Amino acid sequence: MRKVFKVLDFGLLAIILAVALYGLYYFRFNILSQIFTALALGAAYVLWGVYHHLRERNLTGKIFLEYISIAALVVFILGVFLLRV
């Protein structure tokens, strides 16, 4: 049963990433909307990580900070690419 939940959890993550990629493409001529999409992706990734580790019953502060750090790094990198002149 746990294997089914893992597949569903990571399927949800794949959907989140696919929607964000589509959003970046859809708003390719609107930088502000792309930045908002990148921020929404970061927030969704952190929320997904908390949800996933709560289900696994191993959420710690260190894991939470890791998800925040990765999300911030991804948003920063996307922001640099989106705001380049």
PDB file of N, CA and C in Angstrom:
ATOM      1  N   MET A   1       0.817  -1.201   0.000  1.00  0.00           N
ATOM      2  CA  MET A   1       0.000   0.000   0.000  1.00  0.00           C
ATOM      3  C   MET A   1       0.858   1.261   0.000  1.00  0.00           C
ATOM      4  N   ARG A   2       1.980   1.221   0.731  1.00  0.00           N
ATOM      5  CA  ARG A   2       2.869   2.390   0.780  1.00  0.00           C
ATOM      6  C   ARG A   2       3.442   2.692  -0.595  1.00  0.00           C
ATOM      7  N   LYS A   3       3.668   1.635  -1.389  1.00  0.00           N
ATOM      8  CA  LYS A   3       4.223   1.832  -2.725  1.00  0.00           C
ATOM      9  C   LYS A   3       3.243   2.601  -3.597  1.00  0.00           C
ATOM     10  N   VAL A   4       1.960   2.328  -3.438  1.00  0.00           N
ATOM     11  CA  VAL A   4       0.929   3.030  -4.199  1.00  0.00           C
ATOM     12  C   VAL A   4       0.929   4.509  -3.834  1.00  0.00           C
ATOM     13  N   PHE A   5       1.061   4.810  -2.535  1.00  0.00           N
ATOM     14  CA  PHE A   5       1.081   6.198  -2.099  1.00  0.00           C
ATOM     15  C   PHE A   5       2.309   6.929  -2.622  1.00  0.00           C
ATOM     16  N   LYS A   6       3.457   6.229  -2.678  1.00  0.00           N
ATOM     17  CA  LYS A   6       4.656   6.865  -3.218  1.00  0.00           C
ATOM     18  C   LYS A   6       4.468   7.206  -4.687  1.00  0.00           C
ATOM     19  N   VAL A   7       3.875   6.298  -5.441  1.00  0.00           N
ATOM     20  CA  VAL A   7       3.621   6.564  -6.856  1.00  0.00           C
ATOM     21  C   VAL A   7       2.682   7.751  -6.999  1.00  0.00           C
ATOM     22  N   LEU A   8       1.645   7.811  -6.177  1.00  0.00           N
ATOM     23  CA  LEU A   8       0.710   8.937  -6.231  1.00  0.00           C
ATOM     24  C   LEU A   8       1.391  10.238  -5.826  1.00  0.00           C
ATOM     25  N   ASP A   9       2.218  10.187  -4.777  1.00  0.00           N
ATOM     26  CA  ASP A   9       2.927  11.383  -4.330  1.00  0.00           C
ATOM     27  C   ASP A   9       3.830  11.930  -5.429  1.00  0.00           C
ATOM     28  N   PHE A  10       4.627  11.066  -6.029  1.00  0.00           N
ATOM     29  CA  PHE A  10       5.556  11.537  -7.045  1.00  0.00           C
ATOM     30  C   PHE A  10       4.831  11.848  -8.356  1.00  0.00           C
ATOM     31  N   GLY A  11       3.686  11.230  -8.585  1.00  0.00           N
ATOM     32  CA  GLY A  11       2.848  11.613  -9.716  1.00  0.00           C
ATOM     33  C   GLY A  11       2.327  13.030  -9.539  1.00  0.00           C
ATOM     34  N   LEU A  12       1.946  13.376  -8.310  1.00  0.00           N
ATOM     35  CA  LEU A  12       1.496  14.732  -8.008  1.00  0.00           C
ATOM     36  C   LEU A  12       2.634  15.729  -8.234  1.00  0.00           C
ATOM     37  N   LEU A  13       3.843  15.380  -7.818  1.00  0.00           N
ATOM     38  CA  LEU A  13       5.001  16.251  -8.055  1.00  0.00           C
ATOM     39  C   LEU A  13       5.238  16.444  -9.548  1.00  0.00           C
ATOM     40  N   ALA A  14       5.116  15.387 -10.322  1.00  0.00           N
ATOM     41  CA  ALA A  14       5.289  15.490 -11.772  1.00  0.00           C
ATOM     42  C   ALA A  14       4.235  16.416 -12.379  1.00  0.00           C
ATOM     43  N   ILE A  15       3.017  16.333 -11.884  1.00  0.00           N
ATOM     44  CA  ILE A  15       1.945  17.211 -12.370  1.00  0.00           C
ATOM     45  C   ILE A  15       2.251  18.662 -12.019  1.00  0.00           C
ATOM     46  N   ILE A  16       2.722  18.911 -10.805  1.00  0.00           N
ATOM     47  CA  ILE A  16       3.086  20.272 -10.386  1.00  0.00           C
ATOM     48  C   ILE A  16       4.160  20.834 -11.310  1.00  0.00           C
ATOM     49  N   LEU A  17       5.183  20.045 -11.582  1.00  0.00           N
ATOM     50  CA  LEU A  17       6.269  20.504 -12.450  1.00  0.00           C
ATOM     51  C   LEU A  17       5.781  20.718 -13.879  1.00  0.00           C
ATOM     52  N   ALA A  18       4.918  19.829 -14.375  1.00  0.00           N
ATOM     53  CA  ALA A  18       4.394  19.970 -15.735  1.00  0.00           C
ATOM     54  C   ALA A  18       3.539  21.227 -15.866  1.00  0.00           C
ATOM     55  N   VAL A  19       2.713  21.498 -14.871  1.00  0.00           N
ATOM     56  CA  VAL A  19       1.880  22.704 -14.909  1.00  0.00           C
ATOM     57  C   VAL A  19       2.751  23.951 -14.871  1.00  0.00           C
ATOM     58  N   ALA A  20       3.810  23.926 -14.072  1.00  0.00           N
ATOM     59  CA  ALA A  20       4.716  25.079 -14.013  1.00  0.00           C
ATOM     60  C   ALA A  20       5.433  25.287 -15.346  1.00  0.00           C
ATOM     61  N   LEU A  21       5.894  24.210 -15.947  1.00  0.00           N
ATOM     62  CA  LEU A  21       6.547  24.338 -17.256  1.00  0.00           C
ATOM     63  C   LEU A  21       5.583  24.875 -18.300  1.00  0.00           C
ATOM     64  N   TYR A  22       4.362  24.387 -18.282  1.00  0.00           N
ATOM     65  CA  TYR A  22       3.359  24.894 -19.213  1.00  0.00           C
ATOM     66  C   TYR A  22       3.097  26.378 -18.946  1.00  0.00           C
ATOM     67  N   GLY A  23       3.017  26.749 -17.674  1.00  0.00           N
ATOM     68  CA  GLY A  23       2.799  28.158 -17.327  1.00  0.00           C
ATOM     69  C   GLY A  23       3.930  29.044 -17.814  1.00  0.00           C
ATOM     70  N   LEU A  24       5.165  28.570 -17.677  1.00  0.00           N
ATOM     71  CA  LEU A  24       6.301  29.351 -18.171  1.00  0.00           C
ATOM     72  C   LEU A  24       6.230  29.515 -19.690  1.00  0.00           C
ATOM     73  N   TYR A  25       5.792  28.469 -20.370  1.00  0.00           N
ATOM     74  CA  TYR A  25       5.647  28.558 -21.827  1.00  0.00           C
ATOM     75  C   TYR A  25       4.458  29.439 -22.211  1.00  0.00           C
ATOM     76  N   TYR A  26       3.339  29.249 -21.553  1.00  0.00           N
ATOM     77  CA  TYR A  26       2.124  29.985 -21.879  1.00  0.00           C
ATOM     78  C   TYR A  26       2.330  31.495 -21.702  1.00  0.00           C
ATOM     79  N   PHE A  27       3.053  31.874 -20.636  1.00  0.00           N
ATOM     80  CA  PHE A  27       3.309  33.285 -20.356  1.00  0.00           C
ATOM     81  C   PHE A  27       4.670  33.742 -20.891  1.00  0.00           C
ATOM     82  N   ARG A  28       5.132  33.148 -21.986  1.00  0.00           N
ATOM     83  CA  ARG A  28       6.483  33.423 -22.484  1.00  0.00           C
ATOM     84  C   ARG A  28       6.696  34.877 -22.881  1.00  0.00           C
ATOM     85  N   PHE A  29       5.627  35.635 -23.106  1.00  0.00           N
ATOM     86  CA  PHE A  29       5.756  37.048 -23.479  1.00  0.00           C
ATOM     87  C   PHE A  29       5.416  37.982 -22.319  1.00  0.00           C
ATOM     88  N   ASN A  30       5.186  37.427 -21.132  1.00  0.00           N
ATOM     89  CA  ASN A  30       4.820  38.231 -19.964  1.00  0.00           C
ATOM     90  C   ASN A  30       5.744  37.839 -18.806  1.00  0.00           C
ATOM     91  N   ILE A  31       6.799  38.602 -18.613  1.00  0.00           N
ATOM     92  CA  ILE A  31       7.821  38.244 -17.622  1.00  0.00           C
ATOM     93  C   ILE A  31       7.251  38.238 -16.215  1.00  0.00           C
ATOM     94  N   LEU A  32       6.389  39.186 -15.889  1.00  0.00           N
ATOM     95  CA  LEU A  32       5.816  39.235 -14.544  1.00  0.00           C
ATOM     96  C   LEU A  32       5.028  37.956 -14.231  1.00  0.00           C
ATOM     97  N   SER A  33       4.258  37.480 -15.187  1.00  0.00           N
ATOM     98  CA  SER A  33       3.507  36.243 -14.986  1.00  0.00           C
ATOM     99  C   SER A  33       4.443  35.040 -14.885  1.00  0.00           C
ATOM    100  N   GLN A  34       5.545  35.060 -15.618  1.00  0.00           N
ATOM    101  CA  GLN A  34       6.521  33.978 -15.513  1.00  0.00           C
ATOM    102  C   GLN A  34       7.168  33.966 -14.135  1.00  0.00           C
ATOM    103  N   ILE A  35       7.481  35.135 -13.610  1.00  0.00           N
ATOM    104  CA  ILE A  35       8.071  35.202 -12.271  1.00  0.00           C
ATOM    105  C   ILE A  35       7.066  34.701 -11.235  1.00  0.00           C
ATOM    106  N   PHE A  36       5.804  35.100 -11.386  1.00  0.00           N
ATOM    107  CA  PHE A  36       4.768  34.594 -10.483  1.00  0.00           C
ATOM    108  C   PHE A  36       4.658  33.070 -10.588  1.00  0.00           C
ATOM    109  N   THR A  37       4.753  32.543 -11.799  1.00  0.00           N
ATOM    110  CA  THR A  37       4.706  31.087 -11.999  1.00  0.00           C
ATOM    111  C   THR A  37       5.883  30.414 -11.302  1.00  0.00           C
ATOM    112  N   ALA A  38       7.068  31.011 -11.394  1.00  0.00           N
ATOM    113  CA  ALA A  38       8.247  30.453 -10.731  1.00  0.00           C
ATOM    114  C   ALA A  38       8.069  30.469  -9.212  1.00  0.00           C
ATOM    115  N   LEU A  39       7.525  31.560  -8.677  1.00  0.00           N
ATOM    116  CA  LEU A  39       7.273  31.636  -7.227  1.00  0.00           C
ATOM    117  C   LEU A  39       6.224  30.609  -6.796  1.00  0.00           C
ATOM    118  N   ALA A  40       5.189  30.444  -7.621  1.00  0.00           N
ATOM    119  CA  ALA A  40       4.154  29.450  -7.320  1.00  0.00           C
ATOM    120  C   ALA A  40       4.739  28.046  -7.368  1.00  0.00           C
ATOM    121  N   LEU A  41       5.643  27.797  -8.308  1.00  0.00           N
ATOM    122  CA  LEU A  41       6.317  26.498  -8.375  1.00  0.00           C
ATOM    123  C   LEU A  41       7.108  26.241  -7.101  1.00  0.00           C
ATOM    124  N   GLY A  42       7.859  27.235  -6.643  1.00  0.00           N
ATOM    125  CA  GLY A  42       8.634  27.073  -5.414  1.00  0.00           C
ATOM    126  C   GLY A  42       7.746  26.786  -4.211  1.00  0.00           C
ATOM    127  N   ALA A  43       6.652  27.519  -4.098  1.00  0.00           N
ATOM    128  CA  ALA A  43       5.726  27.308  -2.982  1.00  0.00           C
ATOM    129  C   ALA A  43       5.072  25.930  -3.062  1.00  0.00           C
ATOM    130  N   ALA A  44       4.666  25.533  -4.261  1.00  0.00           N
ATOM    131  CA  ALA A  44       4.031  24.223  -4.436  1.00  0.00           C
ATOM    132  C   ALA A  44       5.010  23.100  -4.120  1.00  0.00           C
ATOM    133  N   TYR A  45       6.278  23.282  -4.491  1.00  0.00           N
ATOM    134  CA  TYR A  45       7.297  22.267  -4.204  1.00  0.00           C
ATOM    135  C   TYR A  45       7.495  22.109  -2.698  1.00  0.00           C
ATOM    136  N   VAL A  46       7.544  23.220  -1.977  1.00  0.00           N
ATOM    137  CA  VAL A  46       7.706  23.152  -0.515  1.00  0.00           C
ATOM    138  C   VAL A  46       6.477  22.486   0.111  1.00  0.00           C
ATOM    139  N   LEU A  47       5.294  22.880  -0.326  1.00  0.00           N
ATOM    140  CA  LEU A  47       4.071  22.273   0.220  1.00  0.00           C
ATOM    141  C   LEU A  47       4.012  20.783  -0.100  1.00  0.00           C
ATOM    142  N   TRP A  48       4.421  20.413  -1.317  1.00  0.00           N
ATOM    143  CA  TRP A  48       4.441  19.000  -1.665  1.00  0.00           C
ATOM    144  C   TRP A  48       5.424  18.253  -0.772  1.00  0.00           C
ATOM    145  N   GLY A  49       6.585  18.813  -0.517  1.00  0.00           N
ATOM    146  CA  GLY A  49       7.582  18.158   0.330  1.00  0.00           C
ATOM    147  C   GLY A  49       7.074  17.951   1.753  1.00  0.00           C
ATOM    148  N   VAL A  50       6.408  18.962   2.289  1.00  0.00           N
ATOM    149  CA  VAL A  50       5.842  18.831   3.639  1.00  0.00           C
ATOM    150  C   VAL A  50       4.774  17.747   3.644  1.00  0.00           C
ATOM    151  N   TYR A  51       3.891  17.776   2.646  1.00  0.00           N
ATOM    152  CA  TYR A  51       2.837  16.762   2.541  1.00  0.00           C
ATOM    153  C   TYR A  51       3.439  15.357   2.445  1.00  0.00           C
ATOM    154  N   HIS A  52       4.430  15.209   1.581  1.00  0.00           N
ATOM    155  CA  HIS A  52       5.047  13.901   1.369  1.00  0.00           C
ATOM    156  C   HIS A  52       5.698  13.377   2.647  1.00  0.00           C
ATOM    157  N   HIS A  53       6.445  14.216   3.329  1.00  0.00           N
ATOM    158  CA  HIS A  53       7.143  13.752   4.523  1.00  0.00           C
ATOM    159  C   HIS A  53       6.209  13.602   5.719  1.00  0.00           C
ATOM    160  N   LEU A  54       5.108  14.329   5.742  1.00  0.00           N
ATOM    161  CA  LEU A  54       4.107  14.074   6.787  1.00  0.00           C
ATOM    162  C   LEU A  54       3.483  12.695   6.594  1.00  0.00           C
ATOM    163  N   ARG A  55       3.235  12.340   5.342  1.00  0.00           N
ATOM    164  CA  ARG A  55       2.697  10.996   5.068  1.00  0.00           C
ATOM    165  C   ARG A  55       3.704   9.910   5.412  1.00  0.00           C
ATOM    166  N   GLU A  56       4.986  10.206   5.193  1.00  0.00           N
ATOM    167  CA  GLU A  56       6.040   9.244   5.519  1.00  0.00           C
ATOM    168  C   GLU A  56       6.391   9.258   7.010  1.00  0.00           C
ATOM    169  N   ARG A  57       5.876  10.249   7.723  1.00  0.00           N
ATOM    170  CA  ARG A  57       6.107  10.426   9.165  1.00  0.00           C
ATOM    171  C   ARG A  57       7.585  10.627   9.504  1.00  0.00           C
ATOM    172  N   ASN A  58       8.275  11.405   8.657  1.00  0.00           N
ATOM    173  CA  ASN A  58       9.682  11.677   8.946  1.00  0.00           C
ATOM    174  C   ASN A  58      10.038  13.135   8.673  1.00  0.00           C
ATOM    175  N   LEU A  59       9.075  14.028   8.805  1.00  0.00           N
ATOM    176  CA  LEU A  59       9.332  15.442   8.580  1.00  0.00           C
ATOM    177  C   LEU A  59      10.087  16.021   9.769  1.00  0.00           C
ATOM    178  N   THR A  60      11.213  16.640   9.474  1.00  0.00           N
ATOM    179  CA  THR A  60      12.011  17.325  10.499  1.00  0.00           C
ATOM    180  C   THR A  60      12.266  18.756  10.023  1.00  0.00           C
ATOM    181  N   GLY A  61      12.751  19.566  10.923  1.00  0.00           N
ATOM    182  CA  GLY A  61      13.090  20.933  10.567  1.00  0.00           C
ATOM    183  C   GLY A  61      14.176  20.988   9.510  1.00  0.00           C
ATOM    184  N   LYS A  62      15.110  20.065   9.584  1.00  0.00           N
ATOM    185  CA  LYS A  62      16.200  20.017   8.613  1.00  0.00           C
ATOM    186  C   LYS A  62      15.666  19.709   7.209  1.00  0.00           C
ATOM    187  N   ILE A  63      14.751  18.778   7.111  1.00  0.00           N
ATOM    188  CA  ILE A  63      14.147  18.441   5.816  1.00  0.00           C
ATOM    189  C   ILE A  63      13.346  19.624   5.289  1.00  0.00           C
ATOM    190  N   PHE A  64      12.613  20.300   6.171  1.00  0.00           N
ATOM    191  CA  PHE A  64      11.834  21.473   5.768  1.00  0.00           C
ATOM    192  C   PHE A  64      12.754  22.562   5.216  1.00  0.00           C
ATOM    193  N   LEU A  65      13.854  22.827   5.911  1.00  0.00           N
ATOM    194  CA  LEU A  65      14.811  23.832   5.437  1.00  0.00           C
ATOM    195  C   LEU A  65      15.454  23.422   4.114  1.00  0.00           C
ATOM    196  N   GLU A  66      15.638  22.132   3.923  1.00  0.00           N
ATOM    197  CA  GLU A  66      16.182  21.648   2.655  1.00  0.00           C
ATOM    198  C   GLU A  66      15.217  21.958   1.504  1.00  0.00           C
ATOM    199  N   TYR A  67      13.937  21.722   1.702  1.00  0.00           N
ATOM    200  CA  TYR A  67      12.947  22.021   0.662  1.00  0.00           C
ATOM    201  C   TYR A  67      12.868  23.526   0.402  1.00  0.00           C
ATOM    202  N   ILE A  68      12.936  24.332   1.458  1.00  0.00           N
ATOM    203  CA  ILE A  68      12.930  25.787   1.291  1.00  0.00           C
ATOM    204  C   ILE A  68      14.163  26.218   0.494  1.00  0.00           C
ATOM    205  N   SER A  69      15.319  25.654   0.820  1.00  0.00           N
ATOM    206  CA  SER A  69      16.561  26.022   0.146  1.00  0.00           C
ATOM    207  C   SER A  69      16.535  25.658  -1.334  1.00  0.00           C
ATOM    208  N   ILE A  70      16.100  24.452  -1.643  1.00  0.00           N
ATOM    209  CA  ILE A  70      16.037  24.017  -3.041  1.00  0.00           C
ATOM    210  C   ILE A  70      15.050  24.884  -3.818  1.00  0.00           C
ATOM    211  N   ALA A  71      13.893  25.161  -3.221  1.00  0.00           N
ATOM    212  CA  ALA A  71      12.889  25.992  -3.895  1.00  0.00           C
ATOM    213  C   ALA A  71      13.437  27.399  -4.128  1.00  0.00           C
ATOM    214  N   ALA A  72      14.107  27.967  -3.141  1.00  0.00           N
ATOM    215  CA  ALA A  72      14.678  29.304  -3.304  1.00  0.00           C
ATOM    216  C   ALA A  72      15.741  29.322  -4.391  1.00  0.00           C
ATOM    217  N   LEU A  73      16.563  28.291  -4.447  1.00  0.00           N
ATOM    218  CA  LEU A  73      17.595  28.212  -5.475  1.00  0.00           C
ATOM    219  C   LEU A  73      16.974  28.125  -6.871  1.00  0.00           C
ATOM    220  N   VAL A  74      15.965  27.306  -7.028  1.00  0.00           N
ATOM    221  CA  VAL A  74      15.299  27.155  -8.332  1.00  0.00           C
ATOM    222  C   VAL A  74      14.625  28.465  -8.741  1.00  0.00           C
ATOM    223  N   VAL A  75      13.943  29.119  -7.811  1.00  0.00           N
ATOM    224  CA  VAL A  75      13.282  30.387  -8.126  1.00  0.00           C
ATOM    225  C   VAL A  75      14.328  31.440  -8.484  1.00  0.00           C
ATOM    226  N   PHE A  76      15.444  31.457  -7.769  1.00  0.00           N
ATOM    227  CA  PHE A  76      16.515  32.404  -8.072  1.00  0.00           C
ATOM    228  C   PHE A  76      17.069  32.168  -9.480  1.00  0.00           C
ATOM    229  N   ILE A  77      17.360  30.922  -9.802  1.00  0.00           N
ATOM    230  CA  ILE A  77      17.917  30.610 -11.123  1.00  0.00           C
ATOM    231  C   ILE A  77      16.917  30.951 -12.227  1.00  0.00           C
ATOM    232  N   LEU A  78      15.655  30.590 -12.034  1.00  0.00           N
ATOM    233  CA  LEU A  78      14.636  30.953 -13.033  1.00  0.00           C
ATOM    234  C   LEU A  78      14.529  32.473 -13.154  1.00  0.00           C
ATOM    235  N   GLY A  79      14.590  33.174 -12.025  1.00  0.00           N
ATOM    236  CA  GLY A  79      14.522  34.630 -12.050  1.00  0.00           C
ATOM    237  C   GLY A  79      15.682  35.245 -12.816  1.00  0.00           C
ATOM    238  N   VAL A  80      16.879  34.702 -12.628  1.00  0.00           N
ATOM    239  CA  VAL A  80      18.046  35.213 -13.355  1.00  0.00           C
ATOM    240  C   VAL A  80      17.850  35.014 -14.852  1.00  0.00           C
ATOM    241  N   PHE A  81      17.385  33.852 -15.258  1.00  0.00           N
ATOM    242  CA  PHE A  81      17.161  33.617 -16.677  1.00  0.00           C
ATOM    243  C   PHE A  81      16.030  34.465 -17.240  1.00  0.00           C
ATOM    244  N   LEU A  82      14.997  34.675 -16.451  1.00  0.00           N
ATOM    245  CA  LEU A  82      13.859  35.447 -16.943  1.00  0.00           C
ATOM    246  C   LEU A  82      14.151  36.940 -17.012  1.00  0.00           C
ATOM    247  N   LEU A  83      14.988  37.435 -16.113  1.00  0.00           N
ATOM    248  CA  LEU A  83      15.255  38.868 -16.052  1.00  0.00           C
ATOM    249  C   LEU A  83      16.524  39.299 -16.786  1.00  0.00           C
ATOM    250  N   ARG A  84      17.143  38.365 -17.475  1.00  0.00           N
ATOM    251  CA  ARG A  84      18.364  38.742 -18.214  1.00  0.00           C
ATOM    252  C   ARG A  84      18.003  39.725 -19.316  1.00  0.00           C
ATOM    253  N   VAL A  85      18.937  40.581 -19.591  1.00  0.00           N
ATOM    254  CA  VAL A  85      18.672  41.628 -20.585  1.00  0.00           C
ATOM    255  C   VAL A  85      19.359  41.296 -21.887  1.00  0.00           C
TER     256      VAL A  85
END
